[in-house]
Amino acid sequence: APSCLTARAVSTAQISLSWPDNANNETGFEIDRCAGAGCTSFTQIGTVGTNVTTYQSSGLSASTTYRYRVRATNRDGDSGNSNIASATTASSVVEQTYLATFDNLLLFDSTDPARGNTAYPGAENAVGYNYFYDINGFLTGYLGSAFLVYFDGIQQDLVNSGRTILEARLILNLYTAQGDPVGNTFRLAAVGTTWSPNAVNWNQWINNMSHYDQTVVNFSPWSSGAVAHEIDVTAIVQSWANGDFLHYGFQVWEPNPTLPGYSSLQAMAYESLELWNASNRRPMLYVRYQ
């Protein structure tokens, strides 16, 4: 008999089954199902071939618990039944907007090395580089900046949930517009390292923190603060829901800063959890899922 049958809801209408193959002479497996948390009236709903150990039970009702069992079969008869596994299908589509739990400015100053070792949990977020020149036009120093942002609600509601993420957008509003709109490409990615909002700094981020390469999203800056910038992070949130990698939030940075012309500016700042012109302009994450 198969053992350790598991059932996982993947949508409002589908549950995924899997089990180990304990037989060496089966011609297939038979799958039974019944509806209801305590149901016992099982009906065979399908079969799979030799060595196939998964089954997608579809056409189900939303917000409903289903119970399953599986058995091996061949021309001489059936094995005993597996354990009973149950799962509840997702409810109808849910829309949720999460407010950032915490965010951090990451700042480096070529003229003041102490900045790189300073945590800025209460400063406005920023991304890009500022360059400074003396009266003769000679470069005298520069600031580098990036930021981290974390949403605790995602951890509670969606991480390892198996939910289907239909749409996810990180919503940012400008606090200070970019001064040199040269079409720079900025990047967003899922952070791959744990961090503390009271301790993380530029040097820790640049030297010790990682991100998941497959989650990198490139985007171009914009100059108007009237409209929120919404960055598509659907793939990242889906990976968190699937349990593909751990949830440590997002990071935004400029990957390849280039030296601009005289008195140019290549930095942007976003309204943050602590500094904002209106409460609805703080960093938010909109998610639509089922």
C-alpha atoms as a PDB file:
ATOM      1  CA  ALA A   1       0.000   0.000   0.000  1.00  0.00           C
ATOM      2  CA  PRO A   2       1.149   3.583  -0.600  1.00  0.00           C
ATOM      3  CA  SER A   3       2.093   5.489   2.547  1.00  0.00           C
ATOM      4  CA  CYS A   4       2.516   9.113   3.613  1.00  0.00           C
ATOM      5  CA  LEU A   5      -0.102  10.430   1.188  1.00  0.00           C
ATOM      6  CA  THR A   6      -0.147  14.229   1.236  1.00  0.00           C
ATOM      7  CA  ALA A   7      -2.750  16.654  -0.102  1.00  0.00           C
ATOM      8  CA  ARG A   8      -2.116  20.347  -0.819  1.00  0.00           C
ATOM      9  CA  ALA A   9      -4.633  22.895  -2.061  1.00  0.00           C
ATOM     10  CA  VAL A  10      -3.189  24.907  -4.957  1.00  0.00           C
ATOM     11  CA  SER A  11      -6.224  26.990  -5.904  1.00  0.00           C
ATOM     12  CA  THR A  12      -9.952  27.378  -5.349  1.00  0.00           C
ATOM     13  CA  ALA A  13     -10.620  24.340  -7.552  1.00  0.00           C
ATOM     14  CA  GLN A  14      -7.576  22.051  -7.358  1.00  0.00           C
ATOM     15  CA  ILE A  15      -5.751  19.883  -4.803  1.00  0.00           C
ATOM     16  CA  SER A  16      -2.400  18.240  -5.510  1.00  0.00           C
ATOM     17  CA  LEU A  17      -1.742  14.707  -4.184  1.00  0.00           C
ATOM     18  CA  SER A  18       1.582  12.896  -3.812  1.00  0.00           C
ATOM     19  CA  TRP A  19       2.704   9.633  -2.231  1.00  0.00           C
ATOM     20  CA  PRO A  20       5.699   7.257  -2.184  1.00  0.00           C
ATOM     21  CA  ASP A  21       5.587   4.145  -4.380  1.00  0.00           C
ATOM     22  CA  ASN A  22       6.036   1.190  -2.006  1.00  0.00           C
ATOM     23  CA  ALA A  23       5.177  -1.483  -4.608  1.00  0.00           C
ATOM     24  CA  ASN A  24       7.411  -3.032  -7.262  1.00  0.00           C
ATOM     25  CA  ASN A  25       4.779  -4.753  -9.383  1.00  0.00           C
ATOM     26  CA  GLU A  26       1.869  -2.344  -9.638  1.00  0.00           C
ATOM     27  CA  THR A  27       0.226  -1.508 -12.938  1.00  0.00           C
ATOM     28  CA  GLY A  28      -1.080   1.743 -11.514  1.00  0.00           C
ATOM     29  CA  PHE A  29      -2.741   3.496  -8.614  1.00  0.00           C
ATOM     30  CA  GLU A  30      -6.399   4.230  -7.877  1.00  0.00           C
ATOM     31  CA  ILE A  31      -7.466   7.454  -6.183  1.00  0.00           C
ATOM     32  CA  ASP A  32     -10.568   7.839  -3.988  1.00  0.00           C
ATOM     33  CA  ARG A  33     -12.143  11.062  -2.733  1.00  0.00           C
ATOM     34  CA  CYS A  34     -14.956  12.260  -0.517  1.00  0.00           C
ATOM     35  CA  ALA A  35     -16.124  15.777   0.361  1.00  0.00           C
ATOM     36  CA  GLY A  36     -16.356  17.105   3.908  1.00  0.00           C
ATOM     37  CA  ALA A  37     -14.056  17.324   6.915  1.00  0.00           C
ATOM     38  CA  GLY A  38     -15.310  14.058   8.431  1.00  0.00           C
ATOM     39  CA  CYS A  39     -16.543  12.267   5.326  1.00  0.00           C
ATOM     40  CA  THR A  40     -16.206   8.466   4.931  1.00  0.00           C
ATOM     41  CA  SER A  41     -18.116   7.776   1.696  1.00  0.00           C
ATOM     42  CA  PHE A  42     -15.175   7.530  -0.692  1.00  0.00           C
ATOM     43  CA  THR A  43     -15.631   7.266  -4.446  1.00  0.00           C
ATOM     44  CA  GLN A  44     -12.920   6.378  -6.937  1.00  0.00           C
ATOM     45  CA  ILE A  45     -12.184   9.482  -9.026  1.00  0.00           C
ATOM     46  CA  GLY A  46      -9.177   8.484 -11.120  1.00  0.00           C
ATOM     47  CA  THR A  47      -6.213   6.276 -11.855  1.00  0.00           C
ATOM     48  CA  VAL A  48      -2.577   6.818 -12.782  1.00  0.00           C
ATOM     49  CA  GLY A  49      -0.023   4.502 -14.385  1.00  0.00           C
ATOM     50  CA  THR A  50       2.928   2.518 -13.102  1.00  0.00           C
ATOM     51  CA  ASN A  51       5.389   4.492 -10.949  1.00  0.00           C
ATOM     52  CA  VAL A  52       3.267   7.661 -11.146  1.00  0.00           C
ATOM     53  CA  THR A  53       3.048   9.108  -7.637  1.00  0.00           C
ATOM     54  CA  THR A  54       1.153  12.367  -8.105  1.00  0.00           C
ATOM     55  CA  TYR A  55      -2.385  13.314  -9.033  1.00  0.00           C
ATOM     56  CA  GLN A  56      -4.163  16.627  -9.592  1.00  0.00           C
ATOM     57  CA  SER A  57      -7.701  16.586  -8.274  1.00  0.00           C
ATOM     58  CA  SER A  58      -9.517  19.367 -10.136  1.00  0.00           C
ATOM     59  CA  GLY A  59     -12.998  20.744 -10.690  1.00  0.00           C
ATOM     60  CA  LEU A  60     -13.469  21.253  -6.940  1.00  0.00           C
ATOM     61  CA  SER A  61     -15.556  23.775  -5.017  1.00  0.00           C
ATOM     62  CA  ALA A  62     -13.905  26.726  -3.293  1.00  0.00           C
ATOM     63  CA  SER A  63     -13.500  26.739   0.502  1.00  0.00           C
ATOM     64  CA  THR A  64     -14.291  23.011   0.730  1.00  0.00           C
ATOM     65  CA  THR A  65     -12.428  20.227   2.558  1.00  0.00           C
ATOM     66  CA  TYR A  66     -11.769  17.012   0.606  1.00  0.00           C
ATOM     67  CA  ARG A  67     -10.343  13.718   1.886  1.00  0.00           C
ATOM     68  CA  TYR A  68      -8.309  11.295  -0.249  1.00  0.00           C
ATOM     69  CA  ARG A  69      -6.846   7.811  -0.166  1.00  0.00           C
ATOM     70  CA  VAL A  70      -4.757   5.902  -2.721  1.00  0.00           C
ATOM     71  CA  ARG A  71      -3.997   2.218  -3.373  1.00  0.00           C
ATOM     72  CA  ALA A  72      -1.784   0.256  -5.730  1.00  0.00           C
ATOM     73  CA  THR A  73      -3.339  -2.170  -8.173  1.00  0.00           C
ATOM     74  CA  ASN A  74      -2.355  -4.875 -10.660  1.00  0.00           C
ATOM     75  CA  ARG A  75      -4.127  -7.741 -12.427  1.00  0.00           C
ATOM     76  CA  ASP A  76      -4.128  -9.842  -9.246  1.00  0.00           C
ATOM     77  CA  GLY A  77      -5.971  -7.205  -7.201  1.00  0.00           C
ATOM     78  CA  ASP A  78      -5.538  -4.121  -5.063  1.00  0.00           C
ATOM     79  CA  SER A  79      -3.279  -3.283  -2.148  1.00  0.00           C
ATOM     80  CA  GLY A  80      -4.621  -1.854   1.049  1.00  0.00           C
ATOM     81  CA  ASN A  81      -5.483   1.819   1.143  1.00  0.00           C
ATOM     82  CA  SER A  82      -3.009   4.505   2.059  1.00  0.00           C
ATOM     83  CA  ASN A  83      -3.505   6.850   4.948  1.00  0.00           C
ATOM     84  CA  ILE A  84      -6.233   9.456   4.479  1.00  0.00           C
ATOM     85  CA  ALA A  85      -5.024  12.947   3.587  1.00  0.00           C
ATOM     86  CA  SER A  86      -7.174  16.054   3.493  1.00  0.00           C
ATOM     87  CA  ALA A  87      -6.914  19.608   2.211  1.00  0.00           C
ATOM     88  CA  THR A  88      -9.234  22.592   1.934  1.00  0.00           C
ATOM     89  CA  THR A  89      -9.468  24.470  -1.338  1.00  0.00           C
ATOM     90  CA  ALA A  90      -8.728  28.182  -1.357  1.00  0.00           C
ATOM     91  CA  SER A  91     -11.500  30.681  -1.010  1.00  0.00           C
ATOM     92  CA  SER A  92     -12.399  32.997  -3.833  1.00  0.00           C
ATOM     93  CA  VAL A  93      -9.917  35.655  -4.937  1.00  0.00           C
ATOM     94  CA  VAL A  94      -8.550  37.790  -2.094  1.00  0.00           C
ATOM     95  CA  GLU A  95      -7.141  41.312  -2.465  1.00  0.00           C
ATOM     96  CA  GLN A  96      -4.839  42.529   0.289  1.00  0.00           C
ATOM     97  CA  THR A  97      -2.640  45.611   0.693  1.00  0.00           C
ATOM     98  CA  TYR A  98       0.175  45.297   3.235  1.00  0.00           C
ATOM     99  CA  LEU A  99       1.913  48.218   4.901  1.00  0.00           C
ATOM    100  CA  ALA A 100       5.679  47.906   5.343  1.00  0.00           C
ATOM    101  CA  THR A 101       6.659  46.586   8.759  1.00  0.00           C
ATOM    102  CA  PHE A 102      10.067  48.257   8.635  1.00  0.00           C
ATOM    103  CA  ASP A 103      12.416  49.765   6.066  1.00  0.00           C
ATOM    104  CA  ASN A 104      16.033  50.898   6.134  1.00  0.00           C
ATOM    105  CA  LEU A 105      18.185  53.356   4.257  1.00  0.00           C
ATOM    106  CA  LEU A 106      21.612  51.939   3.376  1.00  0.00           C
ATOM    107  CA  LEU A 107      24.141  54.738   2.985  1.00  0.00           C
ATOM    108  CA  PHE A 108      27.813  55.048   2.088  1.00  0.00           C
ATOM    109  CA  ASP A 109      29.812  58.301   2.068  1.00  0.00           C
ATOM    110  CA  SER A 110      33.249  58.386   0.466  1.00  0.00           C
ATOM    111  CA  THR A 111      34.246  61.311   2.702  1.00  0.00           C
ATOM    112  CA  ASP A 112      32.910  59.815   5.936  1.00  0.00           C
ATOM    113  CA  PRO A 113      33.523  56.060   6.352  1.00  0.00           C
ATOM    114  CA  ALA A 114      31.462  55.994   9.561  1.00  0.00           C
ATOM    115  CA  ARG A 115      28.260  56.334   7.520  1.00  0.00           C
ATOM    116  CA  GLY A 116      28.800  52.890   6.039  1.00  0.00           C
ATOM    117  CA  ASN A 117      28.678  51.370   9.503  1.00  0.00           C
ATOM    118  CA  THR A 118      25.578  53.270  10.621  1.00  0.00           C
ATOM    119  CA  ALA A 119      22.062  51.824  10.669  1.00  0.00           C
ATOM    120  CA  TYR A 120      19.318  54.176   9.448  1.00  0.00           C
ATOM    121  CA  PRO A 121      16.012  52.522  10.425  1.00  0.00           C
ATOM    122  CA  GLY A 122      14.134  55.829  10.583  1.00  0.00           C
ATOM    123  CA  ALA A 123      15.409  57.623   7.486  1.00  0.00           C
ATOM    124  CA  GLU A 124      13.687  58.027   4.155  1.00  0.00           C
ATOM    125  CA  ASN A 125      14.543  55.332   1.653  1.00  0.00           C
ATOM    126  CA  ALA A 126      16.824  56.145  -1.245  1.00  0.00           C
ATOM    127  CA  VAL A 127      18.451  54.574  -4.269  1.00  0.00           C
ATOM    128  CA  GLY A 128      21.255  55.792  -6.478  1.00  0.00           C
ATOM    129  CA  TYR A 129      24.373  57.907  -6.069  1.00  0.00           C
ATOM    130  CA  ASN A 130      24.998  61.577  -5.330  1.00  0.00           C
ATOM    131  CA  TYR A 131      28.245  63.162  -6.565  1.00  0.00           C
ATOM    132  CA  PHE A 132      29.806  66.309  -5.123  1.00  0.00           C
ATOM    133  CA  TYR A 133      32.135  68.771  -6.848  1.00  0.00           C
ATOM    134  CA  ASP A 134      34.183  71.736  -5.739  1.00  0.00           C
ATOM    135  CA  ILE A 135      33.975  75.193  -7.301  1.00  0.00           C
ATOM    136  CA  ASN A 136      36.373  74.143 -10.055  1.00  0.00           C
ATOM    137  CA  GLY A 137      34.312  71.168 -11.052  1.00  0.00           C
ATOM    138  CA  PHE A 138      36.529  68.511  -9.491  1.00  0.00           C
ATOM    139  CA  LEU A 139      34.883  65.501  -7.899  1.00  0.00           C
ATOM    140  CA  THR A 140      35.248  65.725  -4.120  1.00  0.00           C
ATOM    141  CA  GLY A 141      33.115  62.824  -2.944  1.00  0.00           C
ATOM    142  CA  TYR A 142      29.984  60.823  -3.418  1.00  0.00           C
ATOM    143  CA  LEU A 143      27.159  59.144  -1.553  1.00  0.00           C
ATOM    144  CA  GLY A 144      25.852  55.708  -2.417  1.00  0.00           C
ATOM    145  CA  SER A 145      22.433  54.577  -1.273  1.00  0.00           C
ATOM    146  CA  ALA A 146      20.053  51.638  -1.438  1.00  0.00           C
ATOM    147  CA  PHE A 147      17.206  50.433   0.761  1.00  0.00           C
ATOM    148  CA  LEU A 148      15.570  47.381   2.292  1.00  0.00           C
ATOM    149  CA  VAL A 149      11.873  46.927   3.051  1.00  0.00           C
ATOM    150  CA  TYR A 150      10.021  44.096   4.799  1.00  0.00           C
ATOM    151  CA  PHE A 151       6.323  43.158   5.058  1.00  0.00           C
ATOM    152  CA  ASP A 152       5.492  40.969   8.044  1.00  0.00           C
ATOM    153  CA  GLY A 153       1.946  40.352   6.774  1.00  0.00           C
ATOM    154  CA  ILE A 154       3.315  38.387   3.831  1.00  0.00           C
ATOM    155  CA  GLN A 155       5.146  36.063   6.221  1.00  0.00           C
ATOM    156  CA  GLN A 156       1.970  35.454   8.193  1.00  0.00           C
ATOM    157  CA  ASP A 157      -0.514  35.111   5.331  1.00  0.00           C
ATOM    158  CA  LEU A 158       1.262  33.726   2.290  1.00  0.00           C
ATOM    159  CA  VAL A 159       4.708  32.221   2.940  1.00  0.00           C
ATOM    160  CA  ASN A 160       4.547  28.431   2.360  1.00  0.00           C
ATOM    161  CA  SER A 161       0.783  28.736   1.897  1.00  0.00           C
ATOM    162  CA  GLY A 162       0.586  27.125  -1.537  1.00  0.00           C
ATOM    163  CA  ARG A 163      -1.663  29.998  -2.633  1.00  0.00           C
ATOM    164  CA  THR A 164      -1.794  31.039  -6.258  1.00  0.00           C
ATOM    165  CA  ILE A 165      -0.545  34.618  -6.513  1.00  0.00           C
ATOM    166  CA  LEU A 166      -2.441  36.311  -9.317  1.00  0.00           C
ATOM    167  CA  GLU A 167      -0.772  39.707  -8.929  1.00  0.00           C
ATOM    168  CA  ALA A 168       1.685  41.410  -6.578  1.00  0.00           C
ATOM    169  CA  ARG A 169       2.983  44.982  -6.836  1.00  0.00           C
ATOM    170  CA  LEU A 170       5.412  46.890  -4.628  1.00  0.00           C
ATOM    171  CA  ILE A 171       4.060  50.455  -4.380  1.00  0.00           C
ATOM    172  CA  LEU A 172       6.526  53.320  -3.796  1.00  0.00           C
ATOM    173  CA  ASN A 173       6.055  57.078  -3.835  1.00  0.00           C
ATOM    174  CA  LEU A 174       8.748  59.667  -4.454  1.00  0.00           C
ATOM    175  CA  TYR A 175      10.009  61.751  -1.565  1.00  0.00           C
ATOM    176  CA  THR A 176      12.742  63.347  -3.656  1.00  0.00           C
ATOM    177  CA  ALA A 177      12.759  63.039  -7.446  1.00  0.00           C
ATOM    178  CA  GLN A 178      15.850  61.984  -9.320  1.00  0.00           C
ATOM    179  CA  GLY A 179      17.843  65.050 -10.292  1.00  0.00           C
ATOM    180  CA  ASP A 180      19.557  63.562 -13.322  1.00  0.00           C
ATOM    181  CA  PRO A 181      17.029  61.648 -15.440  1.00  0.00           C
ATOM    182  CA  VAL A 182      19.592  59.856 -17.597  1.00  0.00           C
ATOM    183  CA  GLY A 183      17.634  56.627 -17.893  1.00  0.00           C
ATOM    184  CA  ASN A 184      19.573  54.687 -15.274  1.00  0.00           C
ATOM    185  CA  THR A 185      18.419  51.163 -14.559  1.00  0.00           C
ATOM    186  CA  PHE A 186      17.664  50.358 -10.947  1.00  0.00           C
ATOM    187  CA  ARG A 187      17.089  46.888  -9.558  1.00  0.00           C
ATOM    188  CA  LEU A 188      14.805  45.171  -7.106  1.00  0.00           C
ATOM    189  CA  ALA A 189      15.303  41.658  -5.737  1.00  0.00           C
ATOM    190  CA  ALA A 190      14.236  39.392  -2.894  1.00  0.00           C
ATOM    191  CA  VAL A 191      16.757  39.562  -0.066  1.00  0.00           C
ATOM    192  CA  GLY A 192      18.510  36.257   0.581  1.00  0.00           C
ATOM    193  CA  THR A 193      19.907  36.984   4.052  1.00  0.00           C
ATOM    194  CA  THR A 194      18.320  37.718   7.390  1.00  0.00           C
ATOM    195  CA  TRP A 195      18.746  41.286   8.654  1.00  0.00           C
ATOM    196  CA  SER A 196      17.791  43.455  11.595  1.00  0.00           C
ATOM    197  CA  PRO A 197      16.288  46.926  11.037  1.00  0.00           C
ATOM    198  CA  ASN A 198      18.174  48.235  14.058  1.00  0.00           C
ATOM    199  CA  ALA A 199      21.567  46.983  12.923  1.00  0.00           C
ATOM    200  CA  VAL A 200      21.765  46.605   9.143  1.00  0.00           C
ATOM    201  CA  ASN A 201      24.092  49.081   7.430  1.00  0.00           C
ATOM    202  CA  TRP A 202      25.711  49.665   4.042  1.00  0.00           C
ATOM    203  CA  ASN A 203      28.866  47.681   4.753  1.00  0.00           C
ATOM    204  CA  GLN A 204      26.901  44.705   6.019  1.00  0.00           C
ATOM    205  CA  TRP A 205      24.654  44.817   2.962  1.00  0.00           C
ATOM    206  CA  ILE A 206      27.384  45.254   0.368  1.00  0.00           C
ATOM    207  CA  ASN A 207      29.780  42.708   1.893  1.00  0.00           C
ATOM    208  CA  ASN A 208      27.680  40.045   3.584  1.00  0.00           C
ATOM    209  CA  MET A 209      24.090  40.146   2.379  1.00  0.00           C
ATOM    210  CA  SER A 210      22.841  38.287  -0.672  1.00  0.00           C
ATOM    211  CA  HIS A 211      19.801  38.262  -2.908  1.00  0.00           C
ATOM    212  CA  TYR A 212      18.134  35.606  -5.021  1.00  0.00           C
ATOM    213  CA  ASP A 213      19.437  36.149  -8.554  1.00  0.00           C
ATOM    214  CA  GLN A 214      16.318  34.713 -10.190  1.00  0.00           C
ATOM    215  CA  THR A 215      14.183  37.413  -8.567  1.00  0.00           C
ATOM    216  CA  VAL A 216      15.963  40.468  -9.996  1.00  0.00           C
ATOM    217  CA  VAL A 217      13.582  43.004 -11.567  1.00  0.00           C
ATOM    218  CA  ASN A 218      15.035  45.915 -13.540  1.00  0.00           C
ATOM    219  CA  PHE A 219      13.146  49.184 -13.687  1.00  0.00           C
ATOM    220  CA  SER A 220      13.750  52.722 -14.868  1.00  0.00           C
ATOM    221  CA  PRO A 221      13.395  55.777 -12.627  1.00  0.00           C
ATOM    222  CA  TRP A 222      10.700  58.341 -13.120  1.00  0.00           C
ATOM    223  CA  SER A 223      10.539  62.035 -12.386  1.00  0.00           C
ATOM    224  CA  SER A 224       6.969  62.690 -11.264  1.00  0.00           C
ATOM    225  CA  GLY A 225       5.932  62.272  -7.665  1.00  0.00           C
ATOM    226  CA  ALA A 226       2.242  62.578  -8.465  1.00  0.00           C
ATOM    227  CA  VAL A 227       1.813  58.928  -9.408  1.00  0.00           C
ATOM    228  CA  ALA A 228       3.013  55.955  -7.385  1.00  0.00           C
ATOM    229  CA  HIS A 229       5.610  53.695  -8.927  1.00  0.00           C
ATOM    230  CA  GLU A 230       4.301  50.121  -8.927  1.00  0.00           C
ATOM    231  CA  ILE A 231       6.859  47.372  -9.517  1.00  0.00           C
ATOM    232  CA  ASP A 232       5.645  43.906 -10.535  1.00  0.00           C
ATOM    233  CA  VAL A 233       6.835  41.406  -7.898  1.00  0.00           C
ATOM    234  CA  THR A 234       4.321  38.643  -8.650  1.00  0.00           C
ATOM    235  CA  ALA A 235       7.009  36.035  -9.318  1.00  0.00           C
ATOM    236  CA  ILE A 236       8.778  36.822  -6.042  1.00  0.00           C
ATOM    237  CA  VAL A 237       5.649  36.581  -3.882  1.00  0.00           C
ATOM    238  CA  GLN A 238       4.630  33.369  -5.675  1.00  0.00           C
ATOM    239  CA  SER A 239       8.024  31.882  -4.831  1.00  0.00           C
ATOM    240  CA  TRP A 240       7.482  32.798  -1.167  1.00  0.00           C
ATOM    241  CA  ALA A 241       4.012  31.189  -1.279  1.00  0.00           C
ATOM    242  CA  ASN A 242       5.509  28.057  -2.852  1.00  0.00           C
ATOM    243  CA  GLY A 243       8.300  27.910  -0.275  1.00  0.00           C
ATOM    244  CA  ASP A 244      10.936  28.111  -3.013  1.00  0.00           C
ATOM    245  CA  PHE A 245      13.076  30.401  -0.864  1.00  0.00           C
ATOM    246  CA  LEU A 246      12.913  32.225   2.450  1.00  0.00           C
ATOM    247  CA  HIS A 247      11.179  35.568   2.901  1.00  0.00           C
ATOM    248  CA  TYR A 248      13.523  38.380   3.981  1.00  0.00           C
ATOM    249  CA  GLY A 249      11.866  41.246   2.123  1.00  0.00           C
ATOM    250  CA  PHE A 250      12.973  43.342  -0.862  1.00  0.00           C
ATOM    251  CA  GLN A 251      16.062  45.388  -1.662  1.00  0.00           C
ATOM    252  CA  VAL A 252      16.339  48.197  -4.220  1.00  0.00           C
ATOM    253  CA  TRP A 253      19.641  49.525  -5.498  1.00  0.00           C
ATOM    254  CA  GLU A 254      21.529  50.957  -8.455  1.00  0.00           C
ATOM    255  CA  PRO A 255      23.839  48.216  -9.745  1.00  0.00           C
ATOM    256  CA  ASN A 256      26.256  50.108 -11.974  1.00  0.00           C
ATOM    257  CA  PRO A 257      26.484  53.798 -11.142  1.00  0.00           C
ATOM    258  CA  THR A 258      28.317  55.890 -13.707  1.00  0.00           C
ATOM    259  CA  LEU A 259      29.959  59.225 -13.092  1.00  0.00           C
ATOM    260  CA  PRO A 260      27.565  61.934 -14.289  1.00  0.00           C
ATOM    261  CA  GLY A 261      28.338  65.363 -15.667  1.00  0.00           C
ATOM    262  CA  TYR A 262      29.106  68.452 -13.624  1.00  0.00           C
ATOM    263  CA  SER A 263      26.720  69.027 -10.691  1.00  0.00           C
ATOM    264  CA  SER A 264      24.579  66.079 -11.734  1.00  0.00           C
ATOM    265  CA  LEU A 265      22.544  64.066  -9.306  1.00  0.00           C
ATOM    266  CA  GLN A 266      21.657  60.384  -9.624  1.00  0.00           C
ATOM    267  CA  ALA A 267      19.643  59.731  -6.485  1.00  0.00           C
ATOM    268  CA  MET A 268      15.997  59.173  -5.684  1.00  0.00           C
ATOM    269  CA  ALA A 269      14.327  58.889  -2.303  1.00  0.00           C
ATOM    270  CA  TYR A 270      11.019  57.228  -1.551  1.00  0.00           C
ATOM    271  CA  GLU A 271       8.530  58.072   1.129  1.00  0.00           C
ATOM    272  CA  SER A 272       9.059  55.595   3.940  1.00  0.00           C
ATOM    273  CA  LEU A 273       7.297  54.103   6.913  1.00  0.00           C
ATOM    274  CA  GLU A 274       8.521  56.998   9.077  1.00  0.00           C
ATOM    275  CA  LEU A 275       8.785  59.960   6.684  1.00  0.00           C
ATOM    276  CA  TRP A 276       5.816  60.650   4.409  1.00  0.00           C
ATOM    277  CA  ASN A 277       3.698  63.494   3.112  1.00  0.00           C
ATOM    278  CA  ALA A 278       0.512  61.452   3.448  1.00  0.00           C
ATOM    279  CA  SER A 279      -0.046  58.113   5.156  1.00  0.00           C
ATOM    280  CA  ASN A 280      -1.254  56.465   1.944  1.00  0.00           C
ATOM    281  CA  ARG A 281       2.130  57.173   0.340  1.00  0.00           C
ATOM    282  CA  ARG A 282       4.108  54.858   2.605  1.00  0.00           C
ATOM    283  CA  PRO A 283       5.633  51.671   1.092  1.00  0.00           C
ATOM    284  CA  MET A 284       2.887  49.152   0.423  1.00  0.00           C
ATOM    285  CA  LEU A 285       2.576  45.739  -1.151  1.00  0.00           C
ATOM    286  CA  TYR A 286      -0.623  44.926  -3.033  1.00  0.00           C
ATOM    287  CA  VAL A 287      -1.352  41.213  -3.506  1.00  0.00           C
ATOM    288  CA  ARG A 288      -4.244  39.482  -5.245  1.00  0.00           C
ATOM    289  CA  TYR A 289      -4.372  35.725  -4.650  1.00  0.00           C
ATOM    290  CA  GLN A 290      -6.578  32.691  -4.299  1.00  0.00           C
END
